């Protein structure tokens, strides 16, 4: 999951999207991301405008931390 940075909106109003694909440039570095928004549309954005979100996958390490 990621936030799509937009200059015209404040940060708390940025749209969320799921990262579908990362595209490398000729130099082998990731330069572009293909994202899918909740309504199903696909968007291509430069990687500098995509802010990744931390998503809890329900791992045991989180449960162990909370119980101690």
PDB file of N, CA and C in Angstrom:
ATOM      1  N   UNK A   1       0.842  -1.179   0.000  1.00  0.00           N
ATOM      2  CA  UNK A   1       0.000   0.000   0.000  1.00  0.00           C
ATOM      3  C   UNK A   1       0.883   1.236   0.000  1.00  0.00           C
ATOM      4  N   UNK A   2       0.382   2.290  -0.585  1.00  0.00           N
ATOM      5  CA  UNK A   2       1.159   3.516  -0.679  1.00  0.00           C
ATOM      6  C   UNK A   2       0.219   4.717  -0.727  1.00  0.00           C
ATOM      7  N   UNK A   3       0.785   5.875  -0.431  1.00  0.00           N
ATOM      8  CA  UNK A   3       0.081   7.143  -0.611  1.00  0.00           C
ATOM      9  C   UNK A   3       0.579   7.777  -1.893  1.00  0.00           C
ATOM     10  N   UNK A   4      -0.319   8.442  -2.613  1.00  0.00           N
ATOM     11  CA  UNK A   4       0.056   9.145  -3.834  1.00  0.00           C
ATOM     12  C   UNK A   4       0.204  10.623  -3.518  1.00  0.00           C
ATOM     13  N   UNK A   5       1.439  11.096  -3.564  1.00  0.00           N
ATOM     14  CA  UNK A   5       1.715  12.487  -3.220  1.00  0.00           C
ATOM     15  C   UNK A   5       1.094  13.416  -4.259  1.00  0.00           C
ATOM     16  N   UNK A   6       0.404  14.438  -3.769  1.00  0.00           N
ATOM     17  CA  UNK A   6      -0.232  15.430  -4.638  1.00  0.00           C
ATOM     18  C   UNK A   6       0.083  16.819  -4.098  1.00  0.00           C
ATOM     19  N   UNK A   7       0.546  17.683  -4.953  1.00  0.00           N
ATOM     20  CA  UNK A   7       0.918  19.037  -4.535  1.00  0.00           C
ATOM     21  C   UNK A   7      -0.294  19.888  -4.179  1.00  0.00           C
ATOM     22  N   UNK A   8      -1.447  19.603  -4.781  1.00  0.00           N
ATOM     23  CA  UNK A   8      -2.625  20.462  -4.600  1.00  0.00           C
ATOM     24  C   UNK A   8      -3.458  20.117  -3.370  1.00  0.00           C
ATOM     25  N   UNK A   9      -3.142  18.997  -2.693  1.00  0.00           N
ATOM     26  CA  UNK A   9      -3.907  18.594  -1.517  1.00  0.00           C
ATOM     27  C   UNK A   9      -2.994  18.466  -0.307  1.00  0.00           C
ATOM     28  N   UNK A  10      -3.538  18.694   0.882  1.00  0.00           N
ATOM     29  CA  UNK A  10      -2.747  18.438   2.085  1.00  0.00           C
ATOM     30  C   UNK A  10      -2.507  16.933   2.242  1.00  0.00           C
ATOM     31  N   UNK A  11      -1.455  16.585   2.961  1.00  0.00           N
ATOM     32  CA  UNK A  11      -1.032  15.188   3.094  1.00  0.00           C
ATOM     33  C   UNK A  11      -2.149  14.262   3.593  1.00  0.00           C
ATOM     34  N   UNK A  12      -2.959  14.716   4.521  1.00  0.00           N
ATOM     35  CA  UNK A  12      -4.004  13.841   5.065  1.00  0.00           C
ATOM     36  C   UNK A  12      -5.107  13.529   4.050  1.00  0.00           C
ATOM     37  N   UNK A  13      -5.084  14.173   2.890  1.00  0.00           N
ATOM     38  CA  UNK A  13      -6.092  13.927   1.855  1.00  0.00           C
ATOM     39  C   UNK A  13      -5.527  13.186   0.643  1.00  0.00           C
ATOM     40  N   UNK A  14      -4.258  12.770   0.691  1.00  0.00           N
ATOM     41  CA  UNK A  14      -3.669  12.033  -0.425  1.00  0.00           C
ATOM     42  C   UNK A  14      -4.378  10.697  -0.599  1.00  0.00           C
ATOM     43  N   UNK A  15      -4.489  10.247  -1.840  1.00  0.00           N
ATOM     44  CA  UNK A  15      -5.145   8.989  -2.145  1.00  0.00           C
ATOM     45  C   UNK A  15      -4.244   7.803  -1.806  1.00  0.00           C
ATOM     46  N   UNK A  16      -4.878   6.679  -1.478  1.00  0.00           N
ATOM     47  CA  UNK A  16      -4.149   5.436  -1.252  1.00  0.00           C
ATOM     48  C   UNK A  16      -4.230   4.583  -2.508  1.00  0.00           C
ATOM     49  N   UNK A  17      -3.216   3.734  -2.696  1.00  0.00           N
ATOM     50  CA  UNK A  17      -3.211   2.822  -3.838  1.00  0.00           C
ATOM     51  C   UNK A  17      -2.362   1.604  -3.506  1.00  0.00           C
ATOM     52  N   UNK A  18      -2.575   0.542  -4.263  1.00  0.00           N
ATOM     53  CA  UNK A  18      -1.791  -0.688  -4.098  1.00  0.00           C
ATOM     54  C   UNK A  18      -0.723  -0.709  -5.195  1.00  0.00           C
ATOM     55  N   UNK A  19       0.507  -1.010  -4.807  1.00  0.00           N
ATOM     56  CA  UNK A  19       1.605  -1.093  -5.772  1.00  0.00           C
ATOM     57  C   UNK A  19       1.457  -2.405  -6.536  1.00  0.00           C
ATOM     58  N   UNK A  20       1.291  -2.310  -7.857  1.00  0.00           N
ATOM     59  CA  UNK A  20       1.120  -3.475  -8.713  1.00  0.00           C
ATOM     60  C   UNK A  20       2.442  -3.916  -9.338  1.00  0.00           C
ATOM     61  N   UNK A  21       3.265  -2.940  -9.744  1.00  0.00           N
ATOM     62  CA  UNK A  21       4.494  -3.261 -10.463  1.00  0.00           C
ATOM     63  C   UNK A  21       5.506  -2.147 -10.265  1.00  0.00           C
ATOM     64  N   UNK A  22       6.777  -2.520 -10.182  1.00  0.00           N
ATOM     65  CA  UNK A  22       7.871  -1.554 -10.136  1.00  0.00           C
ATOM     66  C   UNK A  22       8.659  -1.691 -11.428  1.00  0.00           C
ATOM     67  N   UNK A  23       8.979  -0.563 -12.047  1.00  0.00           N
ATOM     68  CA  UNK A  23       9.655  -0.569 -13.336  1.00  0.00           C
ATOM     69  C   UNK A  23      11.051   0.023 -13.182  1.00  0.00           C
ATOM     70  N   UNK A  24      12.058  -0.724 -13.668  1.00  0.00           N
ATOM     71  CA  UNK A  24      13.443  -0.279 -13.581  1.00  0.00           C
ATOM     72  C   UNK A  24      13.799   0.608 -14.766  1.00  0.00           C
ATOM     73  N   UNK A  25      14.713   1.539 -14.500  1.00  0.00           N
ATOM     74  CA  UNK A  25      15.275   2.346 -15.568  1.00  0.00           C
ATOM     75  C   UNK A  25      16.429   1.601 -16.225  1.00  0.00           C
ATOM     76  N   UNK A  26      17.065   2.214 -17.205  1.00  0.00           N
ATOM     77  CA  UNK A  26      18.203   1.582 -17.891  1.00  0.00           C
ATOM     78  C   UNK A  26      19.370   1.309 -16.963  1.00  0.00           C
ATOM     79  N   UNK A  27      19.462   2.078 -15.887  1.00  0.00           N
ATOM     80  CA  UNK A  27      20.563   1.906 -14.934  1.00  0.00           C
ATOM     81  C   UNK A  27      20.275   0.829 -13.892  1.00  0.00           C
ATOM     82  N   UNK A  28      19.119   0.169 -13.970  1.00  0.00           N
ATOM     83  CA  UNK A  28      18.781  -0.909 -13.055  1.00  0.00           C
ATOM     84  C   UNK A  28      18.095  -0.450 -11.775  1.00  0.00           C
ATOM     85  N   UNK A  29      17.937   0.840 -11.581  1.00  0.00           N
ATOM     86  CA  UNK A  29      17.267   1.362 -10.388  1.00  0.00           C
ATOM     87  C   UNK A  29      15.772   1.514 -10.653  1.00  0.00           C
ATOM     88  N   UNK A  30      14.969   1.333  -9.592  1.00  0.00           N
ATOM     89  CA  UNK A  30      13.518   1.485  -9.716  1.00  0.00           C
ATOM     90  C   UNK A  30      13.215   2.961  -9.957  1.00  0.00           C
ATOM     91  N   UNK A  31      12.509   3.248 -11.040  1.00  0.00           N
ATOM     92  CA  UNK A  31      12.196   4.638 -11.408  1.00  0.00           C
ATOM     93  C   UNK A  31      10.702   4.933 -11.424  1.00  0.00           C
ATOM     94  N   UNK A  32       9.860   3.917 -11.683  1.00  0.00           N
ATOM     95  CA  UNK A  32       8.431   4.130 -11.875  1.00  0.00           C
ATOM     96  C   UNK A  32       7.645   3.028 -11.178  1.00  0.00           C
ATOM     97  N   UNK A  33       6.449   3.375 -10.719  1.00  0.00           N
ATOM     98  CA  UNK A  33       5.556   2.391 -10.103  1.00  0.00           C
ATOM     99  C   UNK A  33       4.204   2.422 -10.803  1.00  0.00           C
ATOM    100  N   UNK A  34       3.641   1.248 -11.010  1.00  0.00           N
ATOM    101  CA  UNK A  34       2.276   1.121 -11.517  1.00  0.00           C
ATOM    102  C   UNK A  34       1.418   0.806 -10.298  1.00  0.00           C
ATOM    103  N   UNK A  35       0.376   1.621 -10.081  1.00  0.00           N
ATOM    104  CA  UNK A  35      -0.460   1.503  -8.888  1.00  0.00           C
ATOM    105  C   UNK A  35      -1.911   1.282  -9.276  1.00  0.00           C
ATOM    106  N   UNK A  36      -2.657   0.592  -8.401  1.00  0.00           N
ATOM    107  CA  UNK A  36      -4.087   0.392  -8.610  1.00  0.00           C
ATOM    108  C   UNK A  36      -4.826   1.074  -7.469  1.00  0.00           C
ATOM    109  N   UNK A  37      -5.737   1.964  -7.805  1.00  0.00           N
ATOM    110  CA  UNK A  37      -6.516   2.690  -6.813  1.00  0.00           C
ATOM    111  C   UNK A  37      -7.713   1.839  -6.374  1.00  0.00           C
ATOM    112  N   UNK A  38      -8.368   2.203  -5.266  1.00  0.00           N
ATOM    113  CA  UNK A  38      -9.523   1.422  -4.796  1.00  0.00           C
ATOM    114  C   UNK A  38     -10.653   1.287  -5.826  1.00  0.00           C
ATOM    115  N   UNK A  39     -10.788   2.245  -6.731  1.00  0.00           N
ATOM    116  CA  UNK A  39     -11.850   2.135  -7.748  1.00  0.00           C
ATOM    117  C   UNK A  39     -11.425   1.306  -8.959  1.00  0.00           C
ATOM    118  N   UNK A  40     -10.187   0.757  -8.934  1.00  0.00           N
ATOM    119  CA  UNK A  40      -9.739  -0.152  -9.982  1.00  0.00           C
ATOM    120  C   UNK A  40      -8.915   0.471 -11.095  1.00  0.00           C
ATOM    121  N   UNK A  41      -8.774   1.779 -11.114  1.00  0.00           N
ATOM    122  CA  UNK A  41      -7.980   2.405 -12.168  1.00  0.00           C
ATOM    123  C   UNK A  41      -6.493   2.213 -11.890  1.00  0.00           C
ATOM    124  N   UNK A  42      -5.719   2.117 -12.979  1.00  0.00           N
ATOM    125  CA  UNK A  42      -4.275   1.970 -12.846  1.00  0.00           C
ATOM    126  C   UNK A  42      -3.609   3.299 -13.155  1.00  0.00           C
ATOM    127  N   UNK A  43      -2.615   3.639 -12.342  1.00  0.00           N
ATOM    128  CA  UNK A  43      -1.895   4.902 -12.460  1.00  0.00           C
ATOM    129  C   UNK A  43      -0.407   4.590 -12.506  1.00  0.00           C
ATOM    130  N   UNK A  44       0.324   5.286 -13.354  1.00  0.00           N
ATOM    131  CA  UNK A  44       1.776   5.180 -13.387  1.00  0.00           C
ATOM    132  C   UNK A  44       2.345   6.464 -12.819  1.00  0.00           C
ATOM    133  N   UNK A  45       3.213   6.329 -11.811  1.00  0.00           N
ATOM    134  CA  UNK A  45       3.798   7.500 -11.154  1.00  0.00           C
ATOM    135  C   UNK A  45       5.307   7.319 -10.984  1.00  0.00           C
ATOM    136  N   UNK A  46       6.050   8.418 -11.000  1.00  0.00           N
ATOM    137  CA  UNK A  46       7.472   8.316 -10.643  1.00  0.00           C
ATOM    138  C   UNK A  46       7.592   7.869  -9.190  1.00  0.00           C
ATOM    139  N   UNK A  47       8.607   7.088  -8.904  1.00  0.00           N
ATOM    140  CA  UNK A  47       8.754   6.510  -7.565  1.00  0.00           C
ATOM    141  C   UNK A  47       8.906   7.589  -6.492  1.00  0.00           C
ATOM    142  N   UNK A  48       9.378   8.778  -6.863  1.00  0.00           N
ATOM    143  CA  UNK A  48       9.543   9.860  -5.896  1.00  0.00           C
ATOM    144  C   UNK A  48       8.205  10.365  -5.365  1.00  0.00           C
ATOM    145  N   UNK A  49       7.114  10.124  -6.098  1.00  0.00           N
ATOM    146  CA  UNK A  49       5.794  10.592  -5.682  1.00  0.00           C
ATOM    147  C   UNK A  49       4.958   9.504  -5.017  1.00  0.00           C
ATOM    148  N   UNK A  50       5.582   8.354  -4.723  1.00  0.00           N
ATOM    149  CA  UNK A  50       4.887   7.237  -4.079  1.00  0.00           C
ATOM    150  C   UNK A  50       5.484   7.049  -2.687  1.00  0.00           C
ATOM    151  N   UNK A  51       4.647   7.167  -1.668  1.00  0.00           N
ATOM    152  CA  UNK A  51       5.105   7.031  -0.284  1.00  0.00           C
ATOM    153  C   UNK A  51       4.577   5.701   0.249  1.00  0.00           C
ATOM    154  N   UNK A  52       5.475   4.717   0.481  1.00  0.00           N
ATOM    155  CA  UNK A  52       5.008   3.411   0.963  1.00  0.00           C
ATOM    156  C   UNK A  52       4.456   3.496   2.385  1.00  0.00           C
ATOM    157  N   UNK A  53       3.433   2.697   2.656  1.00  0.00           N
ATOM    158  CA  UNK A  53       2.836   2.608   3.985  1.00  0.00           C
ATOM    159  C   UNK A  53       3.242   1.287   4.616  1.00  0.00           C
ATOM    160  N   UNK A  54       3.429   1.299   5.935  1.00  0.00           N
ATOM    161  CA  UNK A  54       3.686   0.054   6.654  1.00  0.00           C
ATOM    162  C   UNK A  54       2.346  -0.602   6.944  1.00  0.00           C
ATOM    163  N   UNK A  55       2.218  -1.851   6.559  1.00  0.00           N
ATOM    164  CA  UNK A  55       0.975  -2.578   6.751  1.00  0.00           C
ATOM    165  C   UNK A  55       1.267  -3.786   7.616  1.00  0.00           C
ATOM    166  N   UNK A  56       0.523  -3.945   8.711  1.00  0.00           N
ATOM    167  CA  UNK A  56       0.686  -5.082   9.605  1.00  0.00           C
ATOM    168  C   UNK A  56       0.088  -6.321   8.951  1.00  0.00           C
ATOM    169  N   UNK A  57       0.916  -7.345   8.785  1.00  0.00           N
ATOM    170  CA  UNK A  57       0.464  -8.592   8.181  1.00  0.00           C
ATOM    171  C   UNK A  57       0.011  -9.596   9.227  1.00  0.00           C
ATOM    172  N   UNK A  58      -0.133  -9.166  10.498  1.00  0.00           N
ATOM    173  CA  UNK A  58      -0.581 -10.063  11.547  1.00  0.00           C
ATOM    174  C   UNK A  58       0.482 -11.055  11.968  1.00  0.00           C
ATOM    175  N   UNK A  59       1.741 -10.640  11.872  1.00  0.00           N
ATOM    176  CA  UNK A  59       2.851 -11.522  12.207  1.00  0.00           C
ATOM    177  C   UNK A  59       2.952 -11.787  13.697  1.00  0.00           C
ATOM    178  N   UNK A  60       3.592 -12.900  14.040  1.00  0.00           N
ATOM    179  CA  UNK A  60       3.746 -13.281  15.434  1.00  0.00           C
ATOM    180  C   UNK A  60       4.594 -12.296  16.208  1.00  0.00           C
ATOM    181  N   UNK A  61       5.562 -11.665  15.537  1.00  0.00           N
ATOM    182  CA  UNK A  61       6.445 -10.735  16.243  1.00  0.00           C
ATOM    183  C   UNK A  61       5.654  -9.582  16.860  1.00  0.00           C
ATOM    184  N   UNK A  62       4.595  -9.134  16.210  1.00  0.00           N
ATOM    185  CA  UNK A  62       3.770  -8.050  16.742  1.00  0.00           C
ATOM    186  C   UNK A  62       3.018  -8.543  17.981  1.00  0.00           C
ATOM    187  N   UNK A  63       2.446  -9.732  17.899  1.00  0.00           N
ATOM    188  CA  UNK A  63       1.690 -10.283  19.025  1.00  0.00           C
ATOM    189  C   UNK A  63       2.596 -10.514  20.232  1.00  0.00           C
ATOM    190  N   UNK A  64       3.813 -11.019  19.990  1.00  0.00           N
ATOM    191  CA  UNK A  64       4.749 -11.250  21.086  1.00  0.00           C
ATOM    192  C   UNK A  64       5.132  -9.936  21.750  1.00  0.00           C
ATOM    193  N   UNK A  65       5.328  -8.881  20.956  1.00  0.00           N
ATOM    194  CA  UNK A  65       5.702  -7.580  21.489  1.00  0.00           C
ATOM    195  C   UNK A  65       4.586  -7.013  22.371  1.00  0.00           C
ATOM    196  N   UNK A  66       3.358  -7.151  21.915  1.00  0.00           N
ATOM    197  CA  UNK A  66       2.237  -6.593  22.667  1.00  0.00           C
ATOM    198  C   UNK A  66       1.955  -7.354  23.957  1.00  0.00           C
ATOM    199  N   UNK A  67       2.240  -8.644  23.991  1.00  0.00           N
ATOM    200  CA  UNK A  67       1.944  -9.431  25.184  1.00  0.00           C
ATOM    201  C   UNK A  67       3.010  -9.301  26.262  1.00  0.00           C
ATOM    202  N   UNK A  68       4.194  -8.777  25.920  1.00  0.00           N
ATOM    203  CA  UNK A  68       5.257  -8.653  26.931  1.00  0.00           C
ATOM    204  C   UNK A  68       5.256  -7.332  27.642  1.00  0.00           C
TER     205      UNK A  68
END
